[in-house]
Amino acid sequence: MGISKYFDIERVDVNAIGFDWEGIDILEIIALDDPLGDEVDTLQAPIMYTPKLKLALGVEWHGVMRAANGWIWGAQLEWLPKKHQRVHLLATPDPEEWSTTTSESTYDIISDETNSLQLRAFTSWSPWNFPWFLRAEVCWAPKSTSTWVSLGYRW
């Protein structure tokens, strides 16, 4: 079980003309009717967090030899019943295009860039009987590959 971000297309404002990135925040830019010329305003982009169920089956090997002290090796196969969603948010167009921009044209949902099936391989190391560990992991999927290193705590 985990948390996943998704873009809620039902909550996109009907007057949306694009999106803007301000630091870590993503803002939805909307056009407001004004007799002197349309003006823009901002809303928080409709990006929500939802629980994401992930089923995993894997194996771990804990080093039992003196040279393997503190090492853990493993692999797992993961399946997501509802796969992740990738969304491409478009920037705000030029002012002359604001009146003809529809909210549906401000984003693209790219459903074929994510996968329901993933294979993970990992190794972690810590001094023997010490709760802090370093973990290196690689995740392979038909459409993407990712790697990372993290620091963790085992309790």
N, C-alpha and C. Protein backbone atom coordinates (compact mmCIF):
# COMPACT_ATOMS: atom_id res chain seq x y z
N MET A 1 0.85 -1.17 0.00
CA MET A 1 0.00 0.00 0.00
C MET A 1 0.90 1.23 0.00
N GLY A 2 0.51 2.23 -0.77
CA GLY A 2 1.27 3.46 -0.83
C GLY A 2 0.36 4.62 -1.18
N ILE A 3 0.96 5.76 -1.40
CA ILE A 3 0.22 6.96 -1.77
C ILE A 3 0.66 7.34 -3.19
N SER A 4 -0.30 7.73 -4.00
CA SER A 4 -0.02 8.11 -5.39
C SER A 4 -0.67 9.45 -5.69
N LYS A 5 0.01 10.24 -6.51
CA LYS A 5 -0.56 11.51 -6.96
C LYS A 5 -1.32 11.26 -8.25
N TYR A 6 -2.44 11.93 -8.42
CA TYR A 6 -3.14 11.88 -9.69
C TYR A 6 -3.76 13.23 -9.99
N PHE A 7 -4.00 13.47 -11.25
CA PHE A 7 -4.57 14.71 -11.74
C PHE A 7 -6.07 14.49 -11.91
N ASP A 8 -6.88 15.23 -11.15
CA ASP A 8 -8.32 15.05 -11.15
C ASP A 8 -8.96 15.89 -12.26
N ILE A 9 -9.22 15.26 -13.41
CA ILE A 9 -9.76 16.01 -14.56
C ILE A 9 -11.16 16.53 -14.30
N GLU A 10 -11.87 15.94 -13.34
CA GLU A 10 -13.22 16.42 -13.01
C GLU A 10 -13.17 17.79 -12.31
N ARG A 11 -12.04 18.12 -11.71
CA ARG A 11 -11.94 19.37 -10.95
C ARG A 11 -11.20 20.46 -11.71
N VAL A 12 -10.90 20.26 -12.98
CA VAL A 12 -10.28 21.32 -13.78
C VAL A 12 -11.33 22.40 -14.01
N ASP A 13 -10.97 23.64 -13.74
CA ASP A 13 -11.90 24.76 -13.91
C ASP A 13 -12.27 24.90 -15.39
N VAL A 14 -13.54 25.20 -15.67
CA VAL A 14 -13.99 25.33 -17.07
C VAL A 14 -13.31 26.51 -17.76
N ASN A 15 -12.78 27.46 -17.00
CA ASN A 15 -12.09 28.62 -17.58
C ASN A 15 -10.58 28.45 -17.61
N ALA A 16 -10.09 27.23 -17.39
CA ALA A 16 -8.65 27.00 -17.38
C ALA A 16 -8.07 27.24 -18.76
N ILE A 17 -6.91 27.92 -18.79
CA ILE A 17 -6.22 28.16 -20.07
C ILE A 17 -4.81 27.59 -20.05
N GLY A 18 -4.37 27.06 -18.93
CA GLY A 18 -3.03 26.48 -18.86
C GLY A 18 -2.57 26.34 -17.43
N PHE A 19 -1.30 26.00 -17.27
CA PHE A 19 -0.73 25.75 -15.95
C PHE A 19 0.61 26.45 -15.84
N ASP A 20 1.01 26.74 -14.62
CA ASP A 20 2.29 27.39 -14.37
C ASP A 20 2.93 26.72 -13.16
N TRP A 21 4.26 26.68 -13.13
CA TRP A 21 4.99 26.06 -12.04
C TRP A 21 5.64 27.16 -11.23
N GLU A 22 5.36 27.18 -9.95
CA GLU A 22 5.91 28.20 -9.06
C GLU A 22 6.61 27.49 -7.93
N GLY A 23 7.90 27.30 -8.06
CA GLY A 23 8.63 26.51 -7.07
C GLY A 23 8.18 25.07 -7.15
N ILE A 24 7.66 24.54 -6.04
CA ILE A 24 7.16 23.16 -6.06
C ILE A 24 5.66 23.11 -6.33
N ASP A 25 5.00 24.27 -6.32
CA ASP A 25 3.55 24.31 -6.55
C ASP A 25 3.23 24.40 -8.03
N ILE A 26 2.17 23.70 -8.42
CA ILE A 26 1.66 23.79 -9.79
C ILE A 26 0.34 24.55 -9.71
N LEU A 27 0.23 25.62 -10.48
CA LEU A 27 -0.95 26.47 -10.44
C LEU A 27 -1.75 26.31 -11.72
N GLU A 28 -3.06 26.31 -11.58
CA GLU A 28 -3.97 26.29 -12.72
C GLU A 28 -4.28 27.75 -13.06
N ILE A 29 -4.03 28.15 -14.29
CA ILE A 29 -4.28 29.53 -14.72
C ILE A 29 -5.66 29.58 -15.35
N ILE A 30 -6.51 30.48 -14.86
CA ILE A 30 -7.86 30.61 -15.41
C ILE A 30 -8.03 32.02 -15.97
N ALA A 31 -8.87 32.13 -16.99
CA ALA A 31 -9.15 33.43 -17.61
C ALA A 31 -10.48 33.95 -17.08
N LEU A 32 -10.49 35.21 -16.65
CA LEU A 32 -11.70 35.85 -16.15
C LEU A 32 -12.17 36.90 -17.15
N ASP A 33 -13.46 36.90 -17.43
CA ASP A 33 -14.01 37.90 -18.35
C ASP A 33 -13.89 39.28 -17.74
N ASP A 34 -13.46 40.21 -18.54
CA ASP A 34 -13.36 41.61 -18.11
C ASP A 34 -13.67 42.46 -19.34
N PRO A 35 -14.52 43.50 -19.19
CA PRO A 35 -14.86 44.33 -20.35
C PRO A 35 -13.64 45.00 -20.99
N LEU A 36 -12.59 45.23 -20.23
CA LEU A 36 -11.39 45.87 -20.78
C LEU A 36 -10.42 44.85 -21.37
N GLY A 37 -10.73 43.60 -21.26
CA GLY A 37 -9.84 42.53 -21.75
C GLY A 37 -9.73 41.46 -20.69
N ASP A 38 -9.66 40.20 -21.12
CA ASP A 38 -9.60 39.10 -20.17
C ASP A 38 -8.40 39.23 -19.24
N GLU A 39 -8.59 38.81 -18.00
CA GLU A 39 -7.52 38.80 -17.01
C GLU A 39 -7.31 37.37 -16.54
N VAL A 40 -6.13 37.12 -16.00
CA VAL A 40 -5.84 35.78 -15.50
C VAL A 40 -5.88 35.77 -13.98
N ASP A 41 -6.20 34.61 -13.44
CA ASP A 41 -6.16 34.37 -12.01
C ASP A 41 -5.60 32.96 -11.83
N THR A 42 -5.29 32.61 -10.61
CA THR A 42 -4.68 31.30 -10.36
C THR A 42 -5.48 30.52 -9.33
N LEU A 43 -5.46 29.22 -9.50
CA LEU A 43 -6.02 28.26 -8.54
C LEU A 43 -4.95 27.19 -8.32
N GLN A 44 -5.05 26.49 -7.22
CA GLN A 44 -4.16 25.35 -7.02
C GLN A 44 -4.55 24.29 -8.04
N ALA A 45 -3.58 23.70 -8.71
CA ALA A 45 -3.88 22.66 -9.70
C ALA A 45 -4.57 21.49 -9.01
N PRO A 46 -5.54 20.84 -9.69
CA PRO A 46 -6.28 19.73 -9.06
C PRO A 46 -5.49 18.43 -9.03
N ILE A 47 -4.41 18.46 -8.26
CA ILE A 47 -3.58 17.27 -8.09
C ILE A 47 -3.89 16.70 -6.71
N MET A 48 -4.34 15.47 -6.68
CA MET A 48 -4.81 14.83 -5.45
C MET A 48 -3.90 13.66 -5.08
N TYR A 49 -4.01 13.24 -3.84
CA TYR A 49 -3.30 12.07 -3.35
C TYR A 49 -4.33 10.99 -3.05
N THR A 50 -4.01 9.77 -3.44
CA THR A 50 -4.93 8.66 -3.23
C THR A 50 -4.14 7.42 -2.81
N PRO A 51 -4.74 6.55 -2.02
CA PRO A 51 -4.05 5.29 -1.70
C PRO A 51 -3.86 4.46 -2.97
N LYS A 52 -2.73 3.82 -3.08
CA LYS A 52 -2.43 2.98 -4.25
C LYS A 52 -2.08 1.59 -3.75
N LEU A 53 -2.86 0.61 -4.16
CA LEU A 53 -2.61 -0.77 -3.78
C LEU A 53 -1.59 -1.37 -4.74
N LYS A 54 -0.63 -2.07 -4.17
CA LYS A 54 0.40 -2.72 -4.96
C LYS A 54 0.58 -4.12 -4.40
N LEU A 55 0.48 -5.13 -5.23
CA LEU A 55 0.70 -6.51 -4.79
C LEU A 55 2.12 -6.92 -5.20
N ALA A 56 2.86 -7.44 -4.24
CA ALA A 56 4.25 -7.78 -4.52
C ALA A 56 4.55 -9.19 -4.03
N LEU A 57 5.38 -9.87 -4.80
CA LEU A 57 5.85 -11.20 -4.45
C LEU A 57 7.36 -11.18 -4.67
N GLY A 58 8.11 -11.52 -3.63
CA GLY A 58 9.55 -11.44 -3.79
C GLY A 58 10.30 -12.32 -2.83
N VAL A 59 11.62 -12.25 -2.94
CA VAL A 59 12.51 -13.02 -2.09
C VAL A 59 13.62 -12.10 -1.60
N GLU A 60 14.12 -12.42 -0.40
CA GLU A 60 15.26 -11.71 0.18
C GLU A 60 16.28 -12.73 0.65
N TRP A 61 17.53 -12.39 0.50
CA TRP A 61 18.60 -13.23 1.01
C TRP A 61 19.42 -12.41 1.98
N HIS A 62 19.51 -12.87 3.23
CA HIS A 62 20.30 -12.21 4.25
C HIS A 62 21.62 -12.95 4.35
N GLY A 63 22.71 -12.23 4.17
CA GLY A 63 24.03 -12.86 4.16
C GLY A 63 24.30 -13.63 5.44
N VAL A 64 24.75 -14.86 5.28
CA VAL A 64 25.06 -15.69 6.44
C VAL A 64 26.55 -15.97 6.55
N MET A 65 27.29 -15.61 5.52
CA MET A 65 28.74 -15.83 5.57
C MET A 65 29.39 -14.61 6.22
N ARG A 66 30.57 -14.77 6.73
CA ARG A 66 31.27 -13.66 7.37
C ARG A 66 31.49 -12.50 6.39
N ALA A 67 31.81 -12.78 5.16
CA ALA A 67 32.04 -11.73 4.16
C ALA A 67 30.75 -11.02 3.78
N ALA A 68 29.59 -11.65 3.99
CA ALA A 68 28.31 -11.05 3.61
C ALA A 68 27.63 -10.38 4.80
N ASN A 69 28.36 -10.20 5.87
CA ASN A 69 27.82 -9.59 7.09
C ASN A 69 27.10 -8.28 6.79
N GLY A 70 25.81 -8.18 7.13
CA GLY A 70 25.07 -6.94 6.96
C GLY A 70 24.46 -6.71 5.59
N TRP A 71 24.65 -7.60 4.65
CA TRP A 71 24.10 -7.43 3.30
C TRP A 71 22.74 -8.14 3.19
N ILE A 72 21.84 -7.52 2.45
CA ILE A 72 20.57 -8.14 2.09
C ILE A 72 20.40 -7.96 0.59
N TRP A 73 20.10 -9.03 -0.10
CA TRP A 73 19.87 -8.99 -1.54
C TRP A 73 18.43 -9.44 -1.78
N GLY A 74 17.78 -8.88 -2.78
CA GLY A 74 16.41 -9.29 -3.03
C GLY A 74 15.88 -8.90 -4.38
N ALA A 75 14.75 -9.46 -4.72
CA ALA A 75 14.04 -9.15 -5.96
C ALA A 75 12.55 -9.35 -5.70
N GLN A 76 11.76 -8.58 -6.40
CA GLN A 76 10.32 -8.76 -6.27
C GLN A 76 9.62 -8.35 -7.55
N LEU A 77 8.51 -9.00 -7.78
CA LEU A 77 7.63 -8.70 -8.90
C LEU A 77 6.42 -7.97 -8.33
N GLU A 78 6.09 -6.82 -8.90
CA GLU A 78 4.98 -6.01 -8.40
C GLU A 78 3.91 -5.85 -9.47
N TRP A 79 2.68 -5.86 -9.03
CA TRP A 79 1.54 -5.64 -9.92
C TRP A 79 0.65 -4.57 -9.30
N LEU A 80 0.29 -3.57 -10.08
CA LEU A 80 -0.60 -2.50 -9.64
C LEU A 80 -1.95 -2.72 -10.30
N PRO A 81 -3.01 -3.04 -9.54
CA PRO A 81 -4.33 -3.23 -10.16
C PRO A 81 -4.80 -1.99 -10.92
N LYS A 82 -4.46 -0.82 -10.42
CA LYS A 82 -4.76 0.42 -11.14
C LYS A 82 -3.44 1.14 -11.36
N LYS A 83 -2.98 1.19 -12.61
CA LYS A 83 -1.64 1.72 -12.85
C LYS A 83 -1.59 3.24 -12.71
N HIS A 84 -0.37 3.73 -12.58
CA HIS A 84 -0.14 5.16 -12.43
C HIS A 84 -0.60 5.91 -13.68
N GLN A 85 -0.88 7.18 -13.48
CA GLN A 85 -1.34 8.04 -14.58
C GLN A 85 -0.27 9.10 -14.83
N ARG A 86 0.09 9.30 -16.09
CA ARG A 86 1.01 10.37 -16.45
C ARG A 86 0.22 11.46 -17.14
N VAL A 87 0.45 12.69 -16.73
CA VAL A 87 -0.28 13.82 -17.30
C VAL A 87 0.73 14.87 -17.72
N HIS A 88 0.56 15.41 -18.91
CA HIS A 88 1.38 16.50 -19.42
C HIS A 88 0.53 17.77 -19.32
N LEU A 89 0.94 18.70 -18.45
CA LEU A 89 0.20 19.95 -18.27
C LEU A 89 0.81 21.02 -19.17
N LEU A 90 -0.04 21.70 -19.94
CA LEU A 90 0.43 22.68 -20.90
C LEU A 90 0.53 24.06 -20.28
N ALA A 91 1.51 24.83 -20.72
CA ALA A 91 1.72 26.18 -20.21
C ALA A 91 0.65 27.12 -20.74
N THR A 92 0.53 28.26 -20.11
CA THR A 92 -0.46 29.27 -20.50
C THR A 92 -0.12 29.83 -21.88
N PRO A 93 -1.10 29.89 -22.80
CA PRO A 93 -0.83 30.42 -24.14
C PRO A 93 -0.75 31.95 -24.13
N ASP A 94 -0.48 32.51 -25.28
CA ASP A 94 -0.44 33.97 -25.44
C ASP A 94 -1.84 34.55 -25.24
N PRO A 95 -1.93 35.81 -24.77
CA PRO A 95 -3.24 36.40 -24.47
C PRO A 95 -4.25 36.38 -25.61
N GLU A 96 -3.80 36.46 -26.84
CA GLU A 96 -4.76 36.44 -27.95
C GLU A 96 -5.44 35.08 -28.13
N GLU A 97 -4.90 34.04 -27.51
CA GLU A 97 -5.49 32.70 -27.60
C GLU A 97 -6.38 32.35 -26.41
N TRP A 98 -6.45 33.20 -25.38
CA TRP A 98 -7.18 32.87 -24.17
C TRP A 98 -8.65 32.59 -24.43
N SER A 99 -9.28 33.37 -25.29
CA SER A 99 -10.73 33.21 -25.49
C SER A 99 -11.07 31.93 -26.24
N THR A 100 -10.13 31.35 -26.97
CA THR A 100 -10.41 30.13 -27.74
C THR A 100 -9.85 28.87 -27.08
N THR A 101 -9.17 29.01 -25.93
CA THR A 101 -8.58 27.86 -25.25
C THR A 101 -9.65 27.18 -24.39
N THR A 102 -9.84 25.89 -24.59
CA THR A 102 -10.78 25.13 -23.77
C THR A 102 -10.01 24.44 -22.64
N SER A 103 -10.69 24.18 -21.54
CA SER A 103 -10.01 23.55 -20.40
C SER A 103 -9.50 22.15 -20.76
N GLU A 104 -10.20 21.44 -21.65
CA GLU A 104 -9.77 20.10 -22.06
C GLU A 104 -8.48 20.14 -22.88
N SER A 105 -8.15 21.27 -23.45
CA SER A 105 -6.94 21.36 -24.26
C SER A 105 -5.72 21.81 -23.45
N THR A 106 -5.86 21.92 -22.13
CA THR A 106 -4.75 22.38 -21.31
C THR A 106 -3.91 21.23 -20.74
N TYR A 107 -4.30 19.99 -20.99
CA TYR A 107 -3.56 18.84 -20.46
C TYR A 107 -3.71 17.67 -21.42
N ASP A 108 -2.78 16.75 -21.33
CA ASP A 108 -2.83 15.48 -22.06
C ASP A 108 -2.60 14.36 -21.07
N ILE A 109 -3.49 13.38 -21.04
CA ILE A 109 -3.29 12.19 -20.22
C ILE A 109 -2.62 11.15 -21.11
N ILE A 110 -1.46 10.70 -20.68
CA ILE A 110 -0.65 9.79 -21.48
C ILE A 110 -0.71 8.42 -20.80
N SER A 111 -1.69 7.63 -21.18
CA SER A 111 -1.94 6.36 -20.48
C SER A 111 -0.97 5.26 -20.87
N ASP A 112 -0.33 5.34 -22.02
CA ASP A 112 0.53 4.23 -22.45
C ASP A 112 1.98 4.39 -21.99
N GLU A 113 2.27 5.35 -21.09
CA GLU A 113 3.64 5.52 -20.60
C GLU A 113 3.88 4.86 -19.25
N THR A 114 2.86 4.25 -18.68
CA THR A 114 3.05 3.60 -17.39
C THR A 114 2.69 2.12 -17.49
N ASN A 115 3.08 1.38 -16.50
CA ASN A 115 2.92 -0.07 -16.52
C ASN A 115 2.27 -0.57 -15.25
N SER A 116 1.55 -1.66 -15.37
CA SER A 116 0.97 -2.32 -14.20
C SER A 116 1.92 -3.34 -13.59
N LEU A 117 2.89 -3.79 -14.36
CA LEU A 117 3.81 -4.83 -13.92
C LEU A 117 5.23 -4.27 -13.84
N GLN A 118 5.91 -4.51 -12.71
CA GLN A 118 7.27 -4.01 -12.51
C GLN A 118 8.11 -5.08 -11.83
N LEU A 119 9.41 -5.07 -12.12
CA LEU A 119 10.36 -5.98 -11.49
C LEU A 119 11.39 -5.14 -10.75
N ARG A 120 11.58 -5.40 -9.48
CA ARG A 120 12.54 -4.66 -8.66
C ARG A 120 13.65 -5.59 -8.19
N ALA A 121 14.86 -5.08 -8.23
CA ALA A 121 16.02 -5.78 -7.66
C ALA A 121 16.69 -4.79 -6.71
N PHE A 122 17.12 -5.27 -5.55
CA PHE A 122 17.69 -4.35 -4.58
C PHE A 122 18.75 -5.03 -3.75
N THR A 123 19.58 -4.19 -3.17
CA THR A 123 20.55 -4.64 -2.18
C THR A 123 20.62 -3.58 -1.10
N SER A 124 20.80 -4.02 0.12
CA SER A 124 20.98 -3.07 1.22
C SER A 124 22.11 -3.55 2.11
N TRP A 125 22.74 -2.58 2.76
CA TRP A 125 23.86 -2.89 3.61
C TRP A 125 23.78 -2.07 4.89
N SER A 126 24.13 -2.71 5.98
CA SER A 126 24.27 -2.01 7.26
C SER A 126 25.30 -2.76 8.08
N PRO A 127 25.94 -2.04 9.01
CA PRO A 127 26.82 -2.78 9.93
C PRO A 127 25.98 -3.82 10.68
N TRP A 128 26.56 -4.92 11.00
CA TRP A 128 25.82 -6.03 11.62
C TRP A 128 25.07 -5.57 12.86
N ASN A 129 23.79 -5.95 12.98
CA ASN A 129 22.92 -5.61 14.11
C ASN A 129 22.78 -4.11 14.34
N PHE A 130 22.76 -3.33 13.28
CA PHE A 130 22.58 -1.87 13.36
C PHE A 130 21.32 -1.53 12.57
N PRO A 131 20.38 -0.71 13.10
CA PRO A 131 19.10 -0.51 12.42
C PRO A 131 19.15 0.37 11.17
N TRP A 132 20.14 1.24 11.03
CA TRP A 132 20.22 2.10 9.84
C TRP A 132 20.85 1.32 8.69
N PHE A 133 20.35 1.53 7.47
CA PHE A 133 20.91 0.82 6.32
C PHE A 133 20.86 1.70 5.07
N LEU A 134 21.73 1.39 4.13
CA LEU A 134 21.73 2.00 2.79
C LEU A 134 21.11 0.99 1.84
N ARG A 135 20.26 1.47 0.94
CA ARG A 135 19.60 0.58 -0.01
C ARG A 135 19.74 1.14 -1.42
N ALA A 136 20.14 0.30 -2.33
CA ALA A 136 20.21 0.64 -3.76
C ALA A 136 19.20 -0.24 -4.47
N GLU A 137 18.46 0.36 -5.39
CA GLU A 137 17.37 -0.37 -6.04
C GLU A 137 17.27 0.02 -7.51
N VAL A 138 16.86 -0.93 -8.31
CA VAL A 138 16.54 -0.67 -9.71
C VAL A 138 15.17 -1.28 -9.99
N CYS A 139 14.36 -0.55 -10.74
CA CYS A 139 13.01 -1.00 -11.08
C CYS A 139 12.89 -1.03 -12.60
N TRP A 140 12.58 -2.20 -13.15
CA TRP A 140 12.39 -2.35 -14.58
C TRP A 140 10.91 -2.54 -14.89
N ALA A 141 10.46 -1.85 -15.92
CA ALA A 141 9.10 -2.02 -16.43
C ALA A 141 9.19 -1.85 -17.94
N PRO A 142 8.23 -2.37 -18.69
CA PRO A 142 8.33 -2.26 -20.15
C PRO A 142 8.48 -0.83 -20.68
N LYS A 143 7.90 0.16 -20.00
CA LYS A 143 7.94 1.53 -20.50
C LYS A 143 8.93 2.43 -19.78
N SER A 144 9.49 1.99 -18.65
CA SER A 144 10.42 2.86 -17.92
C SER A 144 11.33 2.04 -17.02
N THR A 145 12.47 2.64 -16.70
CA THR A 145 13.43 2.06 -15.77
C THR A 145 13.86 3.17 -14.82
N SER A 146 13.97 2.86 -13.55
CA SER A 146 14.41 3.87 -12.58
C SER A 146 15.34 3.22 -11.57
N THR A 147 16.23 4.05 -11.01
CA THR A 147 17.15 3.59 -9.98
C THR A 147 17.22 4.63 -8.88
N TRP A 148 17.56 4.22 -7.69
CA TRP A 148 17.76 5.17 -6.61
C TRP A 148 18.52 4.52 -5.47
N VAL A 149 19.03 5.37 -4.61
CA VAL A 149 19.72 4.97 -3.38
C VAL A 149 19.01 5.68 -2.24
N SER A 150 18.77 4.97 -1.16
CA SER A 150 18.06 5.58 -0.03
C SER A 150 18.69 5.14 1.29
N LEU A 151 18.40 5.92 2.31
CA LEU A 151 18.81 5.60 3.67
C LEU A 151 17.56 5.18 4.42
N GLY A 152 17.63 4.08 5.16
CA GLY A 152 16.46 3.57 5.86
C GLY A 152 16.75 3.17 7.28
N TYR A 153 15.70 2.84 7.98
CA TYR A 153 15.78 2.42 9.37
C TYR A 153 14.92 1.18 9.55
N ARG A 154 15.48 0.12 10.07
CA ARG A 154 14.75 -1.13 10.27
C ARG A 154 14.35 -1.25 11.74
N TRP A 155 13.06 -1.45 11.99
CA TRP A 155 12.61 -1.63 13.37
C TRP A 155 11.85 -2.92 13.51
